[in-house]
Amino acid sequence: MKKKKEFKYIYGPVPSWRLGRSLGVDLVSGIKVCPFDCTYCQLGKTADHSMKRRLFNTTRSIVKELQALPPLKADYITLSGTGEPTLALNLGKVIKEIKSRYKYPLAVLTNSTLLSDDRVRKELAPADLVIAKIDAVNDETLAMINRPVEGLFFEDIFKGIKLFKKESPNKLALQIMFVRKNKRYAPLLAKLAKNIGPVEVQINTPLRHCPEKPLLPEELFKIKQLFAPLKAYSVYDKARYRTKPISTEKTKMRRP
């Protein structure tokens, strides 16, 4: 009997409310490494709270796994997983390899912490869609919700998002996670979003297991109205495809 291929860096496809059938590529693929330790993170506490860029896994090993994939249906290849993808030094190389080899559009989910770095924005530019997180309106709310690494400030994150929007105007989407702690800041977050001018705003609340309670559909509906005339939708608005992951175990590591 032929042994089933084990995938270390590739997971899914997962049913994404934002991206349809999303085939995940995890550039970090190990312990959770992130400049944030968000109160709502489905992966739990950040093991390595860091902003230092490094090589976690070689481009060759990631491409080799992509080449070994069985036939599957996907709407996007998405850089995400167990850590912040922009921390990977080979981010740009992996994006170029994927774009040159596969017909699927490429999305990157980022917490925006490294968008103030010119090199990171340049590496992200070839992606089809960059979904950047913003949950806070100042350093106080950043500390309350996202719990950043020491020395990371809201103004730097906001500046980075604005710069990426200016340099890649048709590729930036915003993702905002609403919990009880930042619900009252929804009008200010809407004002910030309008100042940025993304192609769309994805309004989320934690529906997977985590310490934070989700907001109700009617609460998110009212919040969504604040973002008009921007294109905005919430996690409650979108139906999800049924998908069969290539490895249930590896997928659950990233999507509990």
C-alpha atoms as a PDB file:
ATOM      1  CA  MET A   1       0.000   0.000   0.000  1.00  0.00           C
ATOM      2  CA  LYS A   2       1.384   3.403  -1.013  1.00  0.00           C
ATOM      3  CA  LYS A   3       2.241   5.594   1.963  1.00  0.00           C
ATOM      4  CA  LYS A   4       0.223   8.820   2.165  1.00  0.00           C
ATOM      5  CA  LYS A   5       2.275  11.974   1.639  1.00  0.00           C
ATOM      6  CA  GLU A   6       2.794  13.962   4.838  1.00  0.00           C
ATOM      7  CA  PHE A   7       2.663  17.738   4.475  1.00  0.00           C
ATOM      8  CA  LYS A   8       4.568  19.882   6.948  1.00  0.00           C
ATOM      9  CA  TYR A   9       4.014  23.379   5.514  1.00  0.00           C
ATOM     10  CA  ILE A  10       0.804  23.031   3.486  1.00  0.00           C
ATOM     11  CA  TYR A  11      -2.637  22.647   5.055  1.00  0.00           C
ATOM     12  CA  GLY A  12      -6.286  22.758   4.048  1.00  0.00           C
ATOM     13  CA  PRO A  13      -8.014  23.650   1.871  1.00  0.00           C
ATOM     14  CA  VAL A  14     -10.048  25.215   4.661  1.00  0.00           C
ATOM     15  CA  PRO A  15     -13.513  26.788   4.278  1.00  0.00           C
ATOM     16  CA  SER A  16     -12.705  30.485   4.648  1.00  0.00           C
ATOM     17  CA  TRP A  17     -15.533  33.002   4.978  1.00  0.00           C
ATOM     18  CA  ARG A  18     -13.248  35.536   3.299  1.00  0.00           C
ATOM     19  CA  LEU A  19     -11.450  33.516   0.635  1.00  0.00           C
ATOM     20  CA  GLY A  20     -13.658  30.541  -0.190  1.00  0.00           C
ATOM     21  CA  ARG A  21     -11.589  27.342  -0.396  1.00  0.00           C
ATOM     22  CA  SER A  22      -8.248  28.458   0.986  1.00  0.00           C
ATOM     23  CA  LEU A  23      -5.103  26.336   0.635  1.00  0.00           C
ATOM     24  CA  GLY A  24      -2.788  27.405   3.446  1.00  0.00           C
ATOM     25  CA  VAL A  25       0.984  27.791   3.246  1.00  0.00           C
ATOM     26  CA  ASP A  26       2.646  28.169   6.645  1.00  0.00           C
ATOM     27  CA  LEU A  27       6.038  29.900   6.336  1.00  0.00           C
ATOM     28  CA  VAL A  28       6.655  29.635  10.090  1.00  0.00           C
ATOM     29  CA  SER A  29       5.288  26.104  10.605  1.00  0.00           C
ATOM     30  CA  GLY A  30       6.292  25.303  14.169  1.00  0.00           C
ATOM     31  CA  ILE A  31       5.685  27.084  17.445  1.00  0.00           C
ATOM     32  CA  LYS A  32       3.634  30.271  17.352  1.00  0.00           C
ATOM     33  CA  VAL A  33       5.964  33.173  16.520  1.00  0.00           C
ATOM     34  CA  CYS A  34       4.309  36.578  16.423  1.00  0.00           C
ATOM     35  CA  PRO A  35       4.777  40.253  17.411  1.00  0.00           C
ATOM     36  CA  PHE A  36       1.280  40.036  18.928  1.00  0.00           C
ATOM     37  CA  ASP A  37      -0.259  37.903  21.652  1.00  0.00           C
ATOM     38  CA  CYS A  38      -3.897  38.673  20.838  1.00  0.00           C
ATOM     39  CA  THR A  39      -6.486  37.934  23.505  1.00  0.00           C
ATOM     40  CA  TYR A  40      -8.693  36.182  20.929  1.00  0.00           C
ATOM     41  CA  CYS A  41      -6.120  34.050  19.097  1.00  0.00           C
ATOM     42  CA  GLN A  42      -7.388  30.536  18.368  1.00  0.00           C
ATOM     43  CA  LEU A  43      -3.816  29.205  18.633  1.00  0.00           C
ATOM     44  CA  GLY A  44      -3.428  30.294  22.233  1.00  0.00           C
ATOM     45  CA  LYS A  45      -0.525  32.129  23.838  1.00  0.00           C
ATOM     46  CA  THR A  46       2.383  33.285  21.658  1.00  0.00           C
ATOM     47  CA  ALA A  47       5.392  31.046  22.322  1.00  0.00           C
ATOM     48  CA  ASP A  48       7.952  33.369  20.700  1.00  0.00           C
ATOM     49  CA  HIS A  49       6.905  37.004  21.089  1.00  0.00           C
ATOM     50  CA  SER A  50       9.205  38.595  18.520  1.00  0.00           C
ATOM     51  CA  MET A  51       9.537  41.030  15.629  1.00  0.00           C
ATOM     52  CA  LYS A  52      12.811  39.550  14.378  1.00  0.00           C
ATOM     53  CA  ARG A  53      12.676  38.341  10.770  1.00  0.00           C
ATOM     54  CA  ARG A  54      14.358  34.996  10.174  1.00  0.00           C
ATOM     55  CA  LEU A  55      14.348  31.937   7.909  1.00  0.00           C
ATOM     56  CA  PHE A  56      12.017  29.343   9.404  1.00  0.00           C
ATOM     57  CA  ASN A  57      11.759  26.925   6.472  1.00  0.00           C
ATOM     58  CA  THR A  58      13.521  26.924   3.098  1.00  0.00           C
ATOM     59  CA  THR A  59      11.753  28.067  -0.056  1.00  0.00           C
ATOM     60  CA  ARG A  60      12.796  24.836  -1.734  1.00  0.00           C
ATOM     61  CA  SER A  61      11.110  22.653   0.911  1.00  0.00           C
ATOM     62  CA  ILE A  62       7.874  24.637   0.678  1.00  0.00           C
ATOM     63  CA  VAL A  63       7.807  24.521  -3.137  1.00  0.00           C
ATOM     64  CA  LYS A  64       8.573  20.788  -3.039  1.00  0.00           C
ATOM     65  CA  GLU A  65       5.456  20.207  -0.954  1.00  0.00           C
ATOM     66  CA  LEU A  66       3.340  22.354  -3.263  1.00  0.00           C
ATOM     67  CA  GLN A  67       4.533  20.268  -6.218  1.00  0.00           C
ATOM     68  CA  ALA A  68       3.500  17.089  -4.398  1.00  0.00           C
ATOM     69  CA  LEU A  69      -0.106  18.200  -3.873  1.00  0.00           C
ATOM     70  CA  PRO A  70      -2.849  15.917  -5.172  1.00  0.00           C
ATOM     71  CA  PRO A  71      -5.528  17.394  -7.481  1.00  0.00           C
ATOM     72  CA  LEU A  72      -7.741  19.725  -5.446  1.00  0.00           C
ATOM     73  CA  LYS A  73     -10.124  22.653  -5.723  1.00  0.00           C
ATOM     74  CA  ALA A  74      -9.036  25.970  -4.251  1.00  0.00           C
ATOM     75  CA  ASP A  75     -10.016  29.611  -4.631  1.00  0.00           C
ATOM     76  CA  TYR A  76      -6.850  31.045  -3.059  1.00  0.00           C
ATOM     77  CA  ILE A  77      -3.430  30.023  -1.891  1.00  0.00           C
ATOM     78  CA  THR A  78      -3.054  31.825   1.431  1.00  0.00           C
ATOM     79  CA  LEU A  79       0.070  32.582   3.448  1.00  0.00           C
ATOM     80  CA  SER A  80      -0.982  32.140   7.068  1.00  0.00           C
ATOM     81  CA  GLY A  81      -0.688  29.490   9.791  1.00  0.00           C
ATOM     82  CA  THR A  82       1.143  29.224  13.112  1.00  0.00           C
ATOM     83  CA  GLY A  83       2.890  32.593  12.995  1.00  0.00           C
ATOM     84  CA  GLU A  84       3.078  35.997  11.324  1.00  0.00           C
ATOM     85  CA  PRO A  85       4.103  35.276   7.689  1.00  0.00           C
ATOM     86  CA  THR A  86       5.946  38.572   7.185  1.00  0.00           C
ATOM     87  CA  LEU A  87       8.493  37.444   9.795  1.00  0.00           C
ATOM     88  CA  ALA A  88       9.815  34.915   7.252  1.00  0.00           C
ATOM     89  CA  LEU A  89      12.914  36.203   5.445  1.00  0.00           C
ATOM     90  CA  ASN A  90      11.959  34.222   2.332  1.00  0.00           C
ATOM     91  CA  LEU A  91       8.465  35.759   2.150  1.00  0.00           C
ATOM     92  CA  GLY A  92       9.212  37.464  -1.170  1.00  0.00           C
ATOM     93  CA  LYS A  93      10.856  34.380  -2.696  1.00  0.00           C
ATOM     94  CA  VAL A  94       7.945  32.122  -1.765  1.00  0.00           C
ATOM     95  CA  ILE A  95       5.422  34.602  -3.185  1.00  0.00           C
ATOM     96  CA  LYS A  96       7.336  34.772  -6.483  1.00  0.00           C
ATOM     97  CA  GLU A  97       7.625  30.980  -6.682  1.00  0.00           C
ATOM     98  CA  ILE A  98       3.893  30.506  -6.079  1.00  0.00           C
ATOM     99  CA  LYS A  99       2.916  33.232  -8.548  1.00  0.00           C
ATOM    100  CA  SER A 100       5.156  31.743 -11.254  1.00  0.00           C
ATOM    101  CA  ARG A 101       3.905  28.159 -10.782  1.00  0.00           C
ATOM    102  CA  TYR A 102       0.213  28.240  -9.893  1.00  0.00           C
ATOM    103  CA  LYS A 103      -2.945  29.708 -11.385  1.00  0.00           C
ATOM    104  CA  TYR A 104      -4.621  30.363  -8.042  1.00  0.00           C
ATOM    105  CA  PRO A 105      -4.646  33.951  -6.726  1.00  0.00           C
ATOM    106  CA  LEU A 106      -2.385  34.480  -3.720  1.00  0.00           C
ATOM    107  CA  ALA A 107      -3.487  36.118  -0.465  1.00  0.00           C
ATOM    108  CA  VAL A 108      -1.427  37.008   2.599  1.00  0.00           C
ATOM    109  CA  LEU A 109      -2.970  37.339   6.060  1.00  0.00           C
ATOM    110  CA  THR A 110      -0.857  39.736   8.122  1.00  0.00           C
ATOM    111  CA  ASN A 111      -1.215  41.466  11.481  1.00  0.00           C
ATOM    112  CA  SER A 112       0.343  44.589   9.879  1.00  0.00           C
ATOM    113  CA  THR A 113       3.189  44.820  12.401  1.00  0.00           C
ATOM    114  CA  LEU A 114       5.956  44.780   9.783  1.00  0.00           C
ATOM    115  CA  LEU A 115       4.284  46.844   7.063  1.00  0.00           C
ATOM    116  CA  SER A 116       6.357  49.867   8.104  1.00  0.00           C
ATOM    117  CA  ASP A 117       9.413  47.944   6.772  1.00  0.00           C
ATOM    118  CA  ASP A 118      10.132  48.954   3.151  1.00  0.00           C
ATOM    119  CA  ARG A 119      11.463  45.468   2.334  1.00  0.00           C
ATOM    120  CA  VAL A 120       8.360  43.723   3.631  1.00  0.00           C
ATOM    121  CA  ARG A 121       6.035  45.945   1.556  1.00  0.00           C
ATOM    122  CA  LYS A 122       8.157  45.318  -1.546  1.00  0.00           C
ATOM    123  CA  GLU A 123       8.047  41.547  -0.968  1.00  0.00           C
ATOM    124  CA  LEU A 124       4.250  41.635  -0.501  1.00  0.00           C
ATOM    125  CA  ALA A 125       3.606  43.703  -3.638  1.00  0.00           C
ATOM    126  CA  PRO A 126       3.287  40.736  -6.089  1.00  0.00           C
ATOM    127  CA  ALA A 127       0.521  39.122  -3.981  1.00  0.00           C
ATOM    128  CA  ASP A 128      -3.035  39.435  -5.313  1.00  0.00           C
ATOM    129  CA  LEU A 129      -4.516  40.385  -1.941  1.00  0.00           C
ATOM    130  CA  VAL A 130      -2.981  41.456   1.376  1.00  0.00           C
ATOM    131  CA  ILE A 131      -5.418  41.273   4.276  1.00  0.00           C
ATOM    132  CA  ALA A 132      -4.055  43.520   7.014  1.00  0.00           C
ATOM    133  CA  LYS A 133      -5.269  43.481  10.608  1.00  0.00           C
ATOM    134  CA  ILE A 134      -6.232  46.567  12.587  1.00  0.00           C
ATOM    135  CA  ASP A 135      -8.160  46.046  15.846  1.00  0.00           C
ATOM    136  CA  ALA A 136      -7.027  49.120  17.787  1.00  0.00           C
ATOM    137  CA  VAL A 137      -7.185  52.908  17.559  1.00  0.00           C
ATOM    138  CA  ASN A 138      -4.252  53.837  19.829  1.00  0.00           C
ATOM    139  CA  ASP A 139      -1.532  52.318  22.001  1.00  0.00           C
ATOM    140  CA  GLU A 140      -3.965  51.732  24.868  1.00  0.00           C
ATOM    141  CA  THR A 141      -6.361  49.598  22.820  1.00  0.00           C
ATOM    142  CA  LEU A 142      -3.418  47.891  21.080  1.00  0.00           C
ATOM    143  CA  ALA A 143      -2.139  46.748  24.487  1.00  0.00           C
ATOM    144  CA  MET A 144      -5.618  45.710  25.577  1.00  0.00           C
ATOM    145  CA  ILE A 145      -6.483  43.595  22.517  1.00  0.00           C
ATOM    146  CA  ASN A 146      -3.290  42.665  20.643  1.00  0.00           C
ATOM    147  CA  ARG A 147      -0.671  42.756  23.443  1.00  0.00           C
ATOM    148  CA  PRO A 148       2.281  43.721  21.197  1.00  0.00           C
ATOM    149  CA  VAL A 149       5.953  42.983  21.748  1.00  0.00           C
ATOM    150  CA  GLU A 150       7.818  45.739  23.592  1.00  0.00           C
ATOM    151  CA  GLY A 151       8.702  48.695  21.377  1.00  0.00           C
ATOM    152  CA  LEU A 152       5.845  48.207  18.902  1.00  0.00           C
ATOM    153  CA  PHE A 153       3.458  51.170  18.684  1.00  0.00           C
ATOM    154  CA  PHE A 154       0.088  51.783  17.051  1.00  0.00           C
ATOM    155  CA  GLU A 155       1.343  54.742  15.004  1.00  0.00           C
ATOM    156  CA  ASP A 156       3.985  52.562  13.297  1.00  0.00           C
ATOM    157  CA  ILE A 157       1.384  49.933  12.401  1.00  0.00           C
ATOM    158  CA  PHE A 158      -1.068  52.506  11.021  1.00  0.00           C
ATOM    159  CA  LYS A 159       1.700  54.204   9.042  1.00  0.00           C
ATOM    160  CA  GLY A 160       2.744  50.862   7.536  1.00  0.00           C
ATOM    161  CA  ILE A 161      -0.806  50.075   6.409  1.00  0.00           C
ATOM    162  CA  LYS A 162      -1.113  53.515   4.812  1.00  0.00           C
ATOM    163  CA  LEU A 163       2.205  53.100   2.992  1.00  0.00           C
ATOM    164  CA  PHE A 164       1.232  49.705   1.596  1.00  0.00           C
ATOM    165  CA  LYS A 165      -2.092  51.123   0.417  1.00  0.00           C
ATOM    166  CA  LYS A 166      -0.260  53.971  -1.338  1.00  0.00           C
ATOM    167  CA  GLU A 167       2.255  51.645  -3.023  1.00  0.00           C
ATOM    168  CA  SER A 168      -0.199  48.813  -3.864  1.00  0.00           C
ATOM    169  CA  PRO A 169      -3.538  50.646  -4.049  1.00  0.00           C
ATOM    170  CA  ASN A 170      -5.737  47.806  -5.339  1.00  0.00           C
ATOM    171  CA  LYS A 171      -4.447  44.987  -3.132  1.00  0.00           C
ATOM    172  CA  LEU A 172      -5.155  46.008   0.458  1.00  0.00           C
ATOM    173  CA  ALA A 173      -8.080  44.652   2.471  1.00  0.00           C
ATOM    174  CA  LEU A 174      -8.581  45.334   6.174  1.00  0.00           C
ATOM    175  CA  GLN A 175      -9.574  42.725   8.744  1.00  0.00           C
ATOM    176  CA  ILE A 176     -10.962  43.873  12.090  1.00  0.00           C
ATOM    177  CA  MET A 177     -11.721  41.552  14.997  1.00  0.00           C
ATOM    178  CA  PHE A 178     -14.449  42.881  17.259  1.00  0.00           C
ATOM    179  CA  VAL A 179     -14.769  41.669  20.849  1.00  0.00           C
ATOM    180  CA  ARG A 180     -16.406  43.228  23.904  1.00  0.00           C
ATOM    181  CA  LYS A 181     -13.240  45.186  24.715  1.00  0.00           C
ATOM    182  CA  ASN A 182     -13.089  47.144  21.450  1.00  0.00           C
ATOM    183  CA  LYS A 183     -16.746  47.223  20.437  1.00  0.00           C
ATOM    184  CA  ARG A 184     -17.158  50.807  21.666  1.00  0.00           C
ATOM    185  CA  TYR A 185     -14.293  51.897  19.394  1.00  0.00           C
ATOM    186  CA  ALA A 186     -16.151  50.799  16.258  1.00  0.00           C
ATOM    187  CA  PRO A 187     -16.871  54.405  15.102  1.00  0.00           C
ATOM    188  CA  LEU A 188     -13.168  55.301  15.428  1.00  0.00           C
ATOM    189  CA  LEU A 189     -12.109  52.117  13.615  1.00  0.00           C
ATOM    190  CA  ALA A 190     -14.543  52.953  10.829  1.00  0.00           C
ATOM    191  CA  LYS A 191     -13.029  56.433  10.600  1.00  0.00           C
ATOM    192  CA  LEU A 192      -9.508  54.935  10.375  1.00  0.00           C
ATOM    193  CA  ALA A 193     -10.651  52.496   7.686  1.00  0.00           C
ATOM    194  CA  LYS A 194     -12.113  55.311   5.587  1.00  0.00           C
ATOM    195  CA  ASN A 195      -8.837  57.203   5.966  1.00  0.00           C
ATOM    196  CA  ILE A 196      -6.944  54.158   4.650  1.00  0.00           C
ATOM    197  CA  GLY A 197      -9.355  53.361   1.803  1.00  0.00           C
ATOM    198  CA  PRO A 198      -9.021  49.551   1.428  1.00  0.00           C
ATOM    199  CA  VAL A 199     -10.662  47.508  -1.335  1.00  0.00           C
ATOM    200  CA  GLU A 200     -12.833  45.921   1.371  1.00  0.00           C
ATOM    201  CA  VAL A 201     -13.269  45.618   5.129  1.00  0.00           C
ATOM    202  CA  GLN A 202     -13.705  42.189   6.712  1.00  0.00           C
ATOM    203  CA  ILE A 203     -15.521  42.482  10.037  1.00  0.00           C
ATOM    204  CA  ASN A 204     -14.873  39.517  12.283  1.00  0.00           C
ATOM    205  CA  THR A 205     -15.675  38.229  15.758  1.00  0.00           C
ATOM    206  CA  PRO A 206     -14.159  35.090  17.339  1.00  0.00           C
ATOM    207  CA  LEU A 207     -16.411  32.117  16.483  1.00  0.00           C
ATOM    208  CA  ARG A 208     -13.731  29.534  17.268  1.00  0.00           C
ATOM    209  CA  HIS A 209     -12.811  28.539  20.813  1.00  0.00           C
ATOM    210  CA  CYS A 210     -10.879  31.288  22.628  1.00  0.00           C
ATOM    211  CA  PRO A 211     -11.140  33.340  25.858  1.00  0.00           C
ATOM    212  CA  GLU A 212     -13.123  36.125  24.161  1.00  0.00           C
ATOM    213  CA  LYS A 213     -16.889  35.958  23.625  1.00  0.00           C
ATOM    214  CA  PRO A 214     -18.173  36.674  20.097  1.00  0.00           C
ATOM    215  CA  LEU A 215     -20.467  39.571  19.330  1.00  0.00           C
ATOM    216  CA  LEU A 216     -23.973  38.699  18.150  1.00  0.00           C
ATOM    217  CA  PRO A 217     -25.006  38.970  14.466  1.00  0.00           C
ATOM    218  CA  GLU A 218     -27.143  42.036  15.163  1.00  0.00           C
ATOM    219  CA  GLU A 219     -24.188  43.748  16.876  1.00  0.00           C
ATOM    220  CA  LEU A 220     -21.897  43.146  13.888  1.00  0.00           C
ATOM    221  CA  PHE A 221     -24.637  44.299  11.519  1.00  0.00           C
ATOM    222  CA  LYS A 222     -24.803  47.672  13.299  1.00  0.00           C
ATOM    223  CA  ILE A 223     -21.000  47.943  13.277  1.00  0.00           C
ATOM    224  CA  LYS A 224     -20.884  47.128   9.555  1.00  0.00           C
ATOM    225  CA  GLN A 225     -23.188  50.070   8.800  1.00  0.00           C
ATOM    226  CA  LEU A 226     -20.573  52.440  10.238  1.00  0.00           C
ATOM    227  CA  PHE A 227     -18.134  51.556   7.439  1.00  0.00           C
ATOM    228  CA  ALA A 228     -20.349  52.750   4.563  1.00  0.00           C
ATOM    229  CA  PRO A 229     -19.608  53.649   1.803  1.00  0.00           C
ATOM    230  CA  LEU A 230     -16.654  51.219   1.996  1.00  0.00           C
ATOM    231  CA  LYS A 231     -17.328  47.671   0.849  1.00  0.00           C
ATOM    232  CA  ALA A 232     -17.727  45.813   4.147  1.00  0.00           C
ATOM    233  CA  TYR A 233     -19.044  42.427   5.194  1.00  0.00           C
ATOM    234  CA  SER A 234     -18.991  40.353   8.355  1.00  0.00           C
ATOM    235  CA  VAL A 235     -18.299  36.756   9.294  1.00  0.00           C
ATOM    236  CA  TYR A 236     -22.058  36.283   9.692  1.00  0.00           C
ATOM    237  CA  ASP A 237     -22.776  37.390   6.116  1.00  0.00           C
ATOM    238  CA  LYS A 238     -20.811  34.739   4.275  1.00  0.00           C
ATOM    239  CA  ALA A 239     -21.627  31.105   3.498  1.00  0.00           C
ATOM    240  CA  ARG A 240     -18.739  28.616   3.517  1.00  0.00           C
ATOM    241  CA  TYR A 241     -17.774  25.900   1.065  1.00  0.00           C
ATOM    242  CA  ARG A 242     -17.382  22.347   2.223  1.00  0.00           C
ATOM    243  CA  THR A 243     -13.786  21.255   1.826  1.00  0.00           C
ATOM    244  CA  LYS A 244     -11.731  18.153   2.489  1.00  0.00           C
ATOM    245  CA  PRO A 245      -8.240  18.954   3.810  1.00  0.00           C
ATOM    246  CA  ILE A 246      -5.199  17.047   2.558  1.00  0.00           C
ATOM    247  CA  SER A 247      -4.300  16.404   6.215  1.00  0.00           C
ATOM    248  CA  THR A 248      -6.899  16.792   8.959  1.00  0.00           C
ATOM    249  CA  GLU A 249      -4.286  16.692  11.728  1.00  0.00           C
ATOM    250  CA  LYS A 250      -2.011  19.360  10.205  1.00  0.00           C
ATOM    251  CA  THR A 251      -4.991  21.559   9.367  1.00  0.00           C
ATOM    252  CA  LYS A 252      -6.357  21.405  12.930  1.00  0.00           C
ATOM    253  CA  MET A 253      -2.960  22.620  14.189  1.00  0.00           C
ATOM    254  CA  ARG A 254      -3.620  25.906  12.369  1.00  0.00           C
ATOM    255  CA  ARG A 255      -7.435  25.903  12.436  1.00  0.00           C
ATOM    256  CA  PRO A 256      -8.560  24.289  15.714  1.00  0.00           C
END
